[in-house]
Amino acid sequence: MTMTPDADLQVWLDTHANQGQMRIIPYVKSMKDVLLEFRMQVVQQGRGGSSRVSQQGQVHVPAAQAMPLAQVKVGMTDRESCSVELSLRKDGVDAGVYRFDCQEPGRTH
């Protein structure tokens, strides 16, 4: 099943690398006030295998304001890859699934 992301929502990922740590923060901005449920899953893969970190919750997003959803820090080396999947629900209805590569900061959906 293919889901079209909610046109009222703008979603992007902010990442900061520092001394072997990657800080990952997904943001959302809405055209109008909205209460969102989110689930974020970070998958890290390297030579030694893979690991997953998940966070979920609810956030009130005021109209036209960027709102961080969560924050995760993972250890990263040049030989590892990292991806983020962010699922959003608005009013109990799926509002979109967004996928990001951690090494490509600032990509917007």
N, C-alpha and C. Protein backbone atom coordinates (compact mmCIF):
# COMPACT_ATOMS: atom_id res chain seq x y z
N MET A 1 0.84 -1.17 0.00
CA MET A 1 0.00 0.00 0.00
C MET A 1 0.89 1.24 0.00
N THR A 2 0.63 2.15 -0.89
CA THR A 2 1.37 3.40 -0.95
C THR A 2 0.54 4.48 -0.30
N MET A 3 1.19 5.27 0.54
CA MET A 3 0.49 6.33 1.25
C MET A 3 1.04 7.67 0.80
N THR A 4 0.13 8.58 0.48
CA THR A 4 0.53 9.93 0.11
C THR A 4 0.67 10.75 1.39
N PRO A 5 1.83 11.38 1.60
CA PRO A 5 2.01 12.20 2.80
C PRO A 5 1.00 13.34 2.84
N ASP A 6 0.63 13.75 4.03
CA ASP A 6 -0.31 14.85 4.25
C ASP A 6 0.29 16.14 3.69
N ALA A 7 -0.45 16.80 2.80
CA ALA A 7 0.06 18.00 2.13
C ALA A 7 0.23 19.17 3.09
N ASP A 8 -0.46 19.16 4.24
CA ASP A 8 -0.33 20.24 5.22
C ASP A 8 0.93 20.13 6.06
N LEU A 9 1.63 19.01 5.97
CA LEU A 9 2.79 18.77 6.82
C LEU A 9 4.08 18.86 6.03
N GLN A 10 5.07 19.51 6.63
CA GLN A 10 6.42 19.54 6.09
C GLN A 10 7.30 18.86 7.13
N VAL A 11 8.08 17.87 6.70
CA VAL A 11 8.89 17.06 7.62
C VAL A 11 10.33 17.06 7.15
N TRP A 12 11.27 17.25 8.09
CA TRP A 12 12.68 17.18 7.73
C TRP A 12 13.48 16.64 8.90
N LEU A 13 14.72 16.30 8.61
CA LEU A 13 15.61 15.71 9.59
C LEU A 13 16.81 16.61 9.78
N ASP A 14 17.16 16.88 11.02
CA ASP A 14 18.34 17.67 11.35
C ASP A 14 19.33 16.72 12.03
N THR A 15 20.55 16.67 11.54
CA THR A 15 21.57 15.81 12.15
C THR A 15 22.83 16.63 12.42
N HIS A 16 23.50 16.27 13.51
CA HIS A 16 24.76 16.91 13.88
C HIS A 16 25.73 15.82 14.31
N ALA A 17 26.89 15.75 13.65
CA ALA A 17 27.92 14.78 14.02
C ALA A 17 28.99 15.49 14.85
N ASN A 18 29.41 14.84 15.95
CA ASN A 18 30.42 15.42 16.81
C ASN A 18 31.12 14.30 17.58
N GLN A 19 32.41 14.15 17.38
CA GLN A 19 33.25 13.20 18.10
C GLN A 19 32.66 11.79 18.12
N GLY A 20 32.28 11.30 16.95
CA GLY A 20 31.79 9.93 16.83
C GLY A 20 30.34 9.73 17.22
N GLN A 21 29.64 10.81 17.57
CA GLN A 21 28.22 10.74 17.92
C GLN A 21 27.40 11.49 16.88
N MET A 22 26.26 10.93 16.54
CA MET A 22 25.33 11.58 15.61
C MET A 22 24.05 11.90 16.38
N ARG A 23 23.70 13.19 16.42
CA ARG A 23 22.44 13.61 17.05
C ARG A 23 21.41 13.75 15.94
N ILE A 24 20.26 13.11 16.11
CA ILE A 24 19.22 13.05 15.08
C ILE A 24 17.95 13.66 15.65
N ILE A 25 17.42 14.69 14.96
CA ILE A 25 16.20 15.36 15.41
C ILE A 25 15.27 15.53 14.21
N PRO A 26 14.13 14.84 14.19
CA PRO A 26 13.14 15.10 13.14
C PRO A 26 12.26 16.29 13.53
N TYR A 27 11.92 17.11 12.54
CA TYR A 27 11.07 18.28 12.74
C TYR A 27 9.83 18.16 11.87
N VAL A 28 8.75 18.79 12.33
CA VAL A 28 7.53 18.87 11.53
C VAL A 28 6.98 20.28 11.64
N LYS A 29 6.38 20.72 10.54
CA LYS A 29 5.73 22.03 10.49
C LYS A 29 4.38 21.81 9.80
N SER A 30 3.34 22.45 10.32
CA SER A 30 1.99 22.27 9.79
C SER A 30 1.39 23.62 9.43
N MET A 31 0.51 23.61 8.46
CA MET A 31 -0.18 24.83 8.04
C MET A 31 -1.17 25.30 9.11
N LYS A 32 -1.67 24.35 9.94
CA LYS A 32 -2.63 24.69 10.98
C LYS A 32 -2.29 23.92 12.26
N ASP A 33 -2.84 24.35 13.39
CA ASP A 33 -2.63 23.65 14.66
C ASP A 33 -3.03 22.19 14.50
N VAL A 34 -2.20 21.31 15.03
CA VAL A 34 -2.51 19.89 14.91
C VAL A 34 -1.86 19.12 16.05
N LEU A 35 -2.51 18.05 16.48
CA LEU A 35 -1.94 17.12 17.45
C LEU A 35 -1.53 15.88 16.68
N LEU A 36 -0.24 15.56 16.72
CA LEU A 36 0.29 14.43 15.97
C LEU A 36 0.78 13.33 16.90
N GLU A 37 0.58 12.11 16.48
CA GLU A 37 1.24 10.97 17.09
C GLU A 37 2.39 10.61 16.16
N PHE A 38 3.54 10.24 16.73
CA PHE A 38 4.67 9.89 15.89
C PHE A 38 5.35 8.63 16.41
N ARG A 39 6.01 7.96 15.50
CA ARG A 39 6.88 6.83 15.84
C ARG A 39 8.13 6.98 14.98
N MET A 40 9.28 7.08 15.64
CA MET A 40 10.55 7.22 14.93
C MET A 40 11.38 5.98 15.19
N GLN A 41 11.91 5.43 14.11
CA GLN A 41 12.79 4.28 14.22
C GLN A 41 14.10 4.61 13.51
N VAL A 42 15.22 4.48 14.25
CA VAL A 42 16.55 4.71 13.70
C VAL A 42 17.22 3.35 13.56
N VAL A 43 17.69 3.05 12.36
CA VAL A 43 18.38 1.78 12.10
C VAL A 43 19.81 2.10 11.70
N GLN A 44 20.73 1.49 12.42
CA GLN A 44 22.16 1.68 12.18
C GLN A 44 22.75 0.34 11.74
N GLN A 45 23.49 0.35 10.63
CA GLN A 45 24.09 -0.88 10.13
C GLN A 45 25.59 -0.69 9.93
N GLY A 46 26.33 -1.72 10.33
CA GLY A 46 27.78 -1.70 10.18
C GLY A 46 28.29 -3.12 10.02
N ARG A 47 29.60 -3.27 10.08
CA ARG A 47 30.20 -4.59 9.90
C ARG A 47 29.78 -5.56 11.00
N GLY A 48 29.52 -5.06 12.19
CA GLY A 48 29.16 -5.92 13.31
C GLY A 48 27.69 -6.27 13.40
N GLY A 49 26.88 -5.80 12.47
CA GLY A 49 25.44 -6.07 12.50
C GLY A 49 24.64 -4.79 12.47
N SER A 50 23.44 -4.88 13.03
CA SER A 50 22.58 -3.70 13.02
C SER A 50 21.96 -3.48 14.40
N SER A 51 21.54 -2.24 14.63
CA SER A 51 20.85 -1.91 15.87
C SER A 51 19.69 -0.99 15.54
N ARG A 52 18.68 -1.01 16.40
CA ARG A 52 17.49 -0.19 16.20
C ARG A 52 17.18 0.56 17.49
N VAL A 53 16.79 1.82 17.31
CA VAL A 53 16.33 2.65 18.42
C VAL A 53 14.99 3.22 18.01
N SER A 54 13.99 3.12 18.89
CA SER A 54 12.67 3.64 18.58
C SER A 54 12.21 4.62 19.65
N GLN A 55 11.48 5.64 19.22
CA GLN A 55 10.81 6.56 20.13
C GLN A 55 9.44 6.83 19.56
N GLN A 56 8.49 7.04 20.45
CA GLN A 56 7.15 7.40 20.00
C GLN A 56 6.52 8.33 21.01
N GLY A 57 5.51 9.06 20.56
CA GLY A 57 4.84 9.98 21.45
C GLY A 57 3.83 10.83 20.71
N GLN A 58 3.39 11.88 21.38
CA GLN A 58 2.44 12.84 20.84
C GLN A 58 3.04 14.23 20.96
N VAL A 59 2.72 15.07 20.01
CA VAL A 59 3.21 16.45 20.07
C VAL A 59 2.16 17.38 19.47
N HIS A 60 1.97 18.53 20.13
CA HIS A 60 1.10 19.56 19.58
C HIS A 60 1.96 20.47 18.72
N VAL A 61 1.56 20.65 17.48
CA VAL A 61 2.30 21.49 16.54
C VAL A 61 1.47 22.74 16.25
N PRO A 62 1.90 23.89 16.77
CA PRO A 62 1.19 25.14 16.47
C PRO A 62 1.33 25.49 14.98
N ALA A 63 0.36 26.17 14.45
CA ALA A 63 0.37 26.54 13.03
C ALA A 63 1.64 27.30 12.67
N ALA A 64 2.25 26.91 11.57
CA ALA A 64 3.39 27.59 10.96
C ALA A 64 4.64 27.63 11.84
N GLN A 65 4.76 26.75 12.82
CA GLN A 65 5.95 26.70 13.66
C GLN A 65 6.63 25.33 13.53
N ALA A 66 7.93 25.34 13.35
CA ALA A 66 8.70 24.11 13.31
C ALA A 66 8.77 23.51 14.71
N MET A 67 8.48 22.22 14.82
CA MET A 67 8.46 21.57 16.13
C MET A 67 9.31 20.30 16.08
N PRO A 68 10.31 20.20 16.99
CA PRO A 68 11.07 18.95 17.06
C PRO A 68 10.20 17.85 17.66
N LEU A 69 10.32 16.64 17.12
CA LEU A 69 9.51 15.52 17.61
C LEU A 69 10.22 14.71 18.68
N ALA A 70 11.51 14.52 18.52
CA ALA A 70 12.29 13.68 19.43
C ALA A 70 13.76 13.99 19.19
N GLN A 71 14.61 13.36 19.98
CA GLN A 71 16.05 13.48 19.77
C GLN A 71 16.70 12.16 20.14
N VAL A 72 17.58 11.68 19.26
CA VAL A 72 18.30 10.43 19.49
C VAL A 72 19.76 10.67 19.19
N LYS A 73 20.64 10.09 19.99
CA LYS A 73 22.08 10.11 19.72
C LYS A 73 22.54 8.69 19.49
N VAL A 74 23.30 8.50 18.41
CA VAL A 74 23.88 7.19 18.11
C VAL A 74 25.36 7.36 17.83
N GLY A 75 26.14 6.34 18.17
CA GLY A 75 27.55 6.34 17.83
C GLY A 75 27.71 6.00 16.36
N MET A 76 28.53 6.76 15.65
CA MET A 76 28.69 6.55 14.20
C MET A 76 30.16 6.56 13.82
N THR A 77 30.51 5.66 12.89
CA THR A 77 31.82 5.68 12.26
C THR A 77 31.60 5.85 10.76
N ASP A 78 32.67 6.07 10.04
CA ASP A 78 32.57 6.25 8.58
C ASP A 78 32.09 4.98 7.89
N ARG A 79 32.23 3.84 8.53
CA ARG A 79 31.88 2.56 7.91
C ARG A 79 30.46 2.12 8.24
N GLU A 80 29.72 2.93 8.93
CA GLU A 80 28.36 2.58 9.31
C GLU A 80 27.36 3.44 8.53
N SER A 81 26.19 2.87 8.34
CA SER A 81 25.12 3.63 7.72
C SER A 81 23.98 3.75 8.72
N CYS A 82 23.15 4.75 8.50
CA CYS A 82 22.07 5.04 9.44
C CYS A 82 20.87 5.54 8.64
N SER A 83 19.69 5.05 9.00
CA SER A 83 18.47 5.53 8.35
C SER A 83 17.40 5.77 9.41
N VAL A 84 16.47 6.65 9.08
CA VAL A 84 15.39 7.01 9.98
C VAL A 84 14.07 6.82 9.25
N GLU A 85 13.12 6.17 9.94
CA GLU A 85 11.76 6.07 9.43
C GLU A 85 10.85 6.75 10.44
N LEU A 86 10.06 7.69 9.97
CA LEU A 86 9.17 8.47 10.82
C LEU A 86 7.74 8.28 10.34
N SER A 87 6.90 7.73 11.21
CA SER A 87 5.47 7.52 10.90
C SER A 87 4.66 8.54 11.69
N LEU A 88 3.75 9.22 11.00
CA LEU A 88 2.90 10.23 11.64
C LEU A 88 1.43 9.85 11.51
N ARG A 89 0.66 10.16 12.57
CA ARG A 89 -0.79 9.99 12.57
C ARG A 89 -1.42 11.29 13.04
N LYS A 90 -2.47 11.69 12.34
CA LYS A 90 -3.20 12.91 12.68
C LYS A 90 -4.67 12.54 12.84
N ASP A 91 -5.26 12.85 13.98
CA ASP A 91 -6.66 12.52 14.25
C ASP A 91 -6.92 11.02 14.08
N GLY A 92 -5.95 10.19 14.49
CA GLY A 92 -6.11 8.75 14.42
C GLY A 92 -5.96 8.15 13.03
N VAL A 93 -5.58 8.97 12.06
CA VAL A 93 -5.44 8.52 10.67
C VAL A 93 -3.99 8.67 10.24
N ASP A 94 -3.46 7.71 9.52
CA ASP A 94 -2.09 7.80 9.03
C ASP A 94 -1.91 9.07 8.21
N ALA A 95 -0.86 9.83 8.54
CA ALA A 95 -0.59 11.09 7.85
C ALA A 95 0.68 11.03 7.02
N GLY A 96 1.38 9.91 7.05
CA GLY A 96 2.56 9.76 6.21
C GLY A 96 3.66 8.97 6.88
N VAL A 97 4.48 8.36 6.04
CA VAL A 97 5.69 7.67 6.47
C VAL A 97 6.83 8.32 5.71
N TYR A 98 7.84 8.79 6.44
CA TYR A 98 8.95 9.53 5.87
C TYR A 98 10.23 8.79 6.16
N ARG A 99 11.08 8.65 5.16
CA ARG A 99 12.35 7.93 5.31
C ARG A 99 13.51 8.85 4.96
N PHE A 100 14.54 8.80 5.80
CA PHE A 100 15.71 9.66 5.64
C PHE A 100 16.98 8.84 5.81
N ASP A 101 18.03 9.28 5.15
CA ASP A 101 19.38 8.78 5.38
C ASP A 101 20.01 9.77 6.36
N CYS A 102 20.56 9.27 7.46
CA CYS A 102 21.14 10.16 8.48
C CYS A 102 22.29 11.01 7.94
N GLN A 103 22.97 10.53 6.91
CA GLN A 103 24.11 11.27 6.38
C GLN A 103 23.70 12.38 5.42
N GLU A 104 22.39 12.56 5.18
CA GLU A 104 21.91 13.61 4.29
C GLU A 104 21.04 14.58 5.08
N PRO A 105 21.65 15.44 5.91
CA PRO A 105 20.85 16.35 6.73
C PRO A 105 20.10 17.37 5.91
N GLY A 106 18.99 17.81 6.47
CA GLY A 106 18.22 18.90 5.86
C GLY A 106 17.29 18.48 4.75
N ARG A 107 17.22 17.18 4.45
CA ARG A 107 16.31 16.75 3.38
C ARG A 107 14.88 16.94 3.87
N THR A 108 14.03 17.55 3.06
CA THR A 108 12.67 17.88 3.44
C THR A 108 11.68 17.08 2.61
N HIS A 109 10.60 16.68 3.28
CA HIS A 109 9.48 16.00 2.59
C HIS A 109 8.25 16.86 2.69
